[in-house]
Amino acid sequence: MRLSIETIMAAVRGEHEAISAVLQEYDAYITKFATFHITDLNGRKRMIISEDVKQEIREKLILELPKIRGLKK
């Protein structure tokens, strides 16, 4: 799904449905940055997705949306 300019503008204005659409659009990208590769004590490599880090990224995105310039109408 590609976000329309109208959806982005609505998210910048703080409309909850639009913010949810933005978060859904970027969920895979957010997950990528919240994924850590570790090696356990037995030498096995594992991928860990930190839900705490995902939530922090989501919160940061929500807080930064209103700061986008040129889209408020």
N, C-alpha and C. Protein backbone atom coordinates (compact mmCIF):
# COMPACT_ATOMS: atom_id res chain seq x y z
N MET A 1 0.85 -1.18 0.00
CA MET A 1 0.00 0.00 0.00
C MET A 1 0.89 1.24 0.00
N ARG A 2 0.57 2.15 -0.84
CA ARG A 2 1.27 3.43 -0.86
C ARG A 2 0.37 4.45 -0.19
N LEU A 3 0.96 5.30 0.63
CA LEU A 3 0.17 6.32 1.32
C LEU A 3 -0.12 7.48 0.38
N SER A 4 -1.35 7.93 0.39
CA SER A 4 -1.71 9.09 -0.41
C SER A 4 -1.28 10.36 0.34
N ILE A 5 -1.14 11.42 -0.38
CA ILE A 5 -0.77 12.70 0.24
C ILE A 5 -1.86 13.13 1.23
N GLU A 6 -3.10 12.79 0.93
CA GLU A 6 -4.20 13.13 1.83
C GLU A 6 -4.06 12.40 3.17
N THR A 7 -3.66 11.13 3.11
CA THR A 7 -3.45 10.36 4.34
C THR A 7 -2.31 10.94 5.14
N ILE A 8 -1.22 11.28 4.48
CA ILE A 8 -0.07 11.86 5.17
C ILE A 8 -0.46 13.19 5.81
N MET A 9 -1.20 14.02 5.07
CA MET A 9 -1.62 15.31 5.61
C MET A 9 -2.53 15.11 6.83
N ALA A 10 -3.41 14.12 6.76
CA ALA A 10 -4.30 13.83 7.88
C ALA A 10 -3.50 13.35 9.10
N ALA A 11 -2.47 12.55 8.86
CA ALA A 11 -1.62 12.09 9.96
C ALA A 11 -0.87 13.26 10.59
N VAL A 12 -0.41 14.19 9.77
CA VAL A 12 0.28 15.37 10.28
C VAL A 12 -0.67 16.19 11.16
N ARG A 13 -1.96 16.23 10.78
CA ARG A 13 -2.95 16.95 11.58
C ARG A 13 -3.34 16.20 12.84
N GLY A 14 -2.92 14.92 12.95
CA GLY A 14 -3.18 14.15 14.16
C GLY A 14 -4.40 13.25 14.09
N GLU A 15 -4.93 13.01 12.90
CA GLU A 15 -6.10 12.15 12.77
C GLU A 15 -5.69 10.69 13.02
N HIS A 16 -6.34 10.06 13.98
CA HIS A 16 -5.95 8.73 14.46
C HIS A 16 -5.95 7.67 13.36
N GLU A 17 -6.96 7.66 12.51
CA GLU A 17 -7.04 6.66 11.45
C GLU A 17 -5.86 6.79 10.49
N ALA A 18 -5.49 8.02 10.18
CA ALA A 18 -4.37 8.26 9.27
C ALA A 18 -3.04 7.87 9.92
N ILE A 19 -2.90 8.17 11.21
CA ILE A 19 -1.68 7.78 11.93
C ILE A 19 -1.55 6.26 11.93
N SER A 20 -2.65 5.57 12.14
CA SER A 20 -2.63 4.11 12.10
C SER A 20 -2.21 3.60 10.72
N ALA A 21 -2.67 4.25 9.67
CA ALA A 21 -2.29 3.86 8.31
C ALA A 21 -0.80 4.05 8.09
N VAL A 22 -0.25 5.15 8.60
CA VAL A 22 1.19 5.42 8.48
C VAL A 22 1.98 4.35 9.22
N LEU A 23 1.56 4.04 10.45
CA LEU A 23 2.25 3.01 11.24
C LEU A 23 2.19 1.65 10.55
N GLN A 24 1.05 1.33 9.97
CA GLN A 24 0.90 0.06 9.27
C GLN A 24 1.81 0.02 8.04
N GLU A 25 1.87 1.13 7.31
CA GLU A 25 2.71 1.19 6.11
C GLU A 25 4.18 0.96 6.44
N TYR A 26 4.63 1.48 7.56
CA TYR A 26 6.04 1.40 7.92
C TYR A 26 6.36 0.28 8.91
N ASP A 27 5.41 -0.61 9.19
CA ASP A 27 5.62 -1.64 10.19
C ASP A 27 6.81 -2.55 9.87
N ALA A 28 6.95 -2.98 8.64
CA ALA A 28 8.07 -3.87 8.28
C ALA A 28 9.40 -3.15 8.45
N TYR A 29 9.44 -1.89 8.08
CA TYR A 29 10.65 -1.08 8.22
C TYR A 29 11.00 -0.89 9.70
N ILE A 30 9.99 -0.64 10.51
CA ILE A 30 10.19 -0.48 11.95
C ILE A 30 10.69 -1.79 12.55
N THR A 31 10.10 -2.90 12.13
CA THR A 31 10.52 -4.21 12.62
C THR A 31 11.98 -4.48 12.29
N LYS A 32 12.39 -4.09 11.10
CA LYS A 32 13.79 -4.28 10.69
C LYS A 32 14.74 -3.59 11.67
N PHE A 33 14.42 -2.38 12.08
CA PHE A 33 15.28 -1.64 12.99
C PHE A 33 15.17 -2.11 14.43
N ALA A 34 14.15 -2.90 14.73
CA ALA A 34 13.99 -3.43 16.08
C ALA A 34 14.46 -4.88 16.17
N THR A 35 15.12 -5.37 15.13
CA THR A 35 15.59 -6.75 15.08
C THR A 35 17.08 -6.80 15.39
N PHE A 36 17.42 -7.69 16.29
CA PHE A 36 18.81 -7.85 16.70
C PHE A 36 19.25 -9.28 16.43
N HIS A 37 20.47 -9.44 15.98
CA HIS A 37 21.05 -10.77 15.75
C HIS A 37 21.99 -11.07 16.91
N ILE A 38 21.73 -12.20 17.56
CA ILE A 38 22.57 -12.57 18.70
C ILE A 38 23.05 -14.01 18.53
N THR A 39 24.09 -14.34 19.24
CA THR A 39 24.58 -15.71 19.31
C THR A 39 24.42 -16.16 20.75
N ASP A 40 23.70 -17.28 20.95
CA ASP A 40 23.48 -17.74 22.31
C ASP A 40 24.71 -18.47 22.85
N LEU A 41 24.62 -18.95 24.06
CA LEU A 41 25.77 -19.61 24.71
C LEU A 41 26.19 -20.90 24.01
N ASN A 42 25.28 -21.49 23.24
CA ASN A 42 25.58 -22.72 22.50
C ASN A 42 26.10 -22.44 21.10
N GLY A 43 26.29 -21.18 20.76
CA GLY A 43 26.82 -20.81 19.45
C GLY A 43 25.76 -20.69 18.37
N ARG A 44 24.50 -20.85 18.71
CA ARG A 44 23.42 -20.72 17.72
C ARG A 44 23.07 -19.26 17.51
N LYS A 45 22.92 -18.90 16.26
CA LYS A 45 22.55 -17.52 15.93
C LYS A 45 21.04 -17.40 15.93
N ARG A 46 20.56 -16.31 16.50
CA ARG A 46 19.12 -16.07 16.60
C ARG A 46 18.81 -14.62 16.26
N MET A 47 17.60 -14.42 15.80
CA MET A 47 17.10 -13.07 15.57
C MET A 47 16.07 -12.78 16.65
N ILE A 48 16.22 -11.65 17.27
CA ILE A 48 15.30 -11.22 18.32
C ILE A 48 14.65 -9.92 17.87
N ILE A 49 13.31 -9.88 17.91
CA ILE A 49 12.59 -8.64 17.61
C ILE A 49 12.16 -8.05 18.95
N SER A 50 12.64 -6.87 19.23
CA SER A 50 12.33 -6.20 20.49
C SER A 50 11.04 -5.39 20.33
N GLU A 51 9.99 -5.84 21.00
CA GLU A 51 8.72 -5.11 20.97
C GLU A 51 8.86 -3.76 21.65
N ASP A 52 9.74 -3.66 22.65
CA ASP A 52 9.98 -2.38 23.31
C ASP A 52 10.58 -1.37 22.35
N VAL A 53 11.56 -1.82 21.56
CA VAL A 53 12.19 -0.93 20.59
C VAL A 53 11.19 -0.55 19.51
N LYS A 54 10.38 -1.51 19.05
CA LYS A 54 9.35 -1.19 18.05
C LYS A 54 8.42 -0.10 18.58
N GLN A 55 8.01 -0.23 19.84
CA GLN A 55 7.09 0.76 20.41
C GLN A 55 7.76 2.12 20.51
N GLU A 56 9.04 2.15 20.88
CA GLU A 56 9.76 3.43 20.95
C GLU A 56 9.84 4.09 19.58
N ILE A 57 10.09 3.31 18.55
CA ILE A 57 10.16 3.86 17.18
C ILE A 57 8.80 4.39 16.76
N ARG A 58 7.74 3.62 17.04
CA ARG A 58 6.38 4.08 16.71
C ARG A 58 6.07 5.41 17.40
N GLU A 59 6.39 5.48 18.70
CA GLU A 59 6.12 6.70 19.45
C GLU A 59 6.89 7.89 18.87
N LYS A 60 8.14 7.67 18.51
CA LYS A 60 8.95 8.74 17.93
C LYS A 60 8.34 9.20 16.61
N LEU A 61 7.89 8.26 15.78
CA LEU A 61 7.25 8.61 14.51
C LEU A 61 6.00 9.45 14.74
N ILE A 62 5.18 9.03 15.69
CA ILE A 62 3.95 9.77 15.99
C ILE A 62 4.26 11.19 16.47
N LEU A 63 5.28 11.32 17.32
CA LEU A 63 5.65 12.64 17.83
C LEU A 63 6.25 13.54 16.75
N GLU A 64 6.89 12.95 15.75
CA GLU A 64 7.53 13.74 14.70
C GLU A 64 6.56 14.12 13.58
N LEU A 65 5.47 13.40 13.41
CA LEU A 65 4.53 13.70 12.32
C LEU A 65 4.08 15.16 12.29
N PRO A 66 3.68 15.75 13.42
CA PRO A 66 3.21 17.14 13.37
C PRO A 66 4.30 18.14 12.98
N LYS A 67 5.55 17.73 13.03
CA LYS A 67 6.66 18.63 12.71
C LYS A 67 6.95 18.69 11.22
N ILE A 68 6.28 17.85 10.42
CA ILE A 68 6.48 17.88 8.97
C ILE A 68 5.93 19.20 8.44
N ARG A 69 6.76 19.91 7.72
CA ARG A 69 6.37 21.23 7.22
C ARG A 69 5.77 21.15 5.82
N GLY A 70 4.92 22.10 5.53
CA GLY A 70 4.37 22.22 4.19
C GLY A 70 3.20 21.33 3.87
N LEU A 71 2.72 20.55 4.83
CA LEU A 71 1.60 19.65 4.55
C LEU A 71 0.34 20.00 5.31
N LYS A 72 0.40 20.91 6.28
CA LYS A 72 -0.79 21.23 7.07
C LYS A 72 -1.73 22.10 6.26
N LYS A 73 -2.93 21.63 6.10
CA LYS A 73 -3.98 22.40 5.41
C LYS A 73 -5.26 22.27 6.17
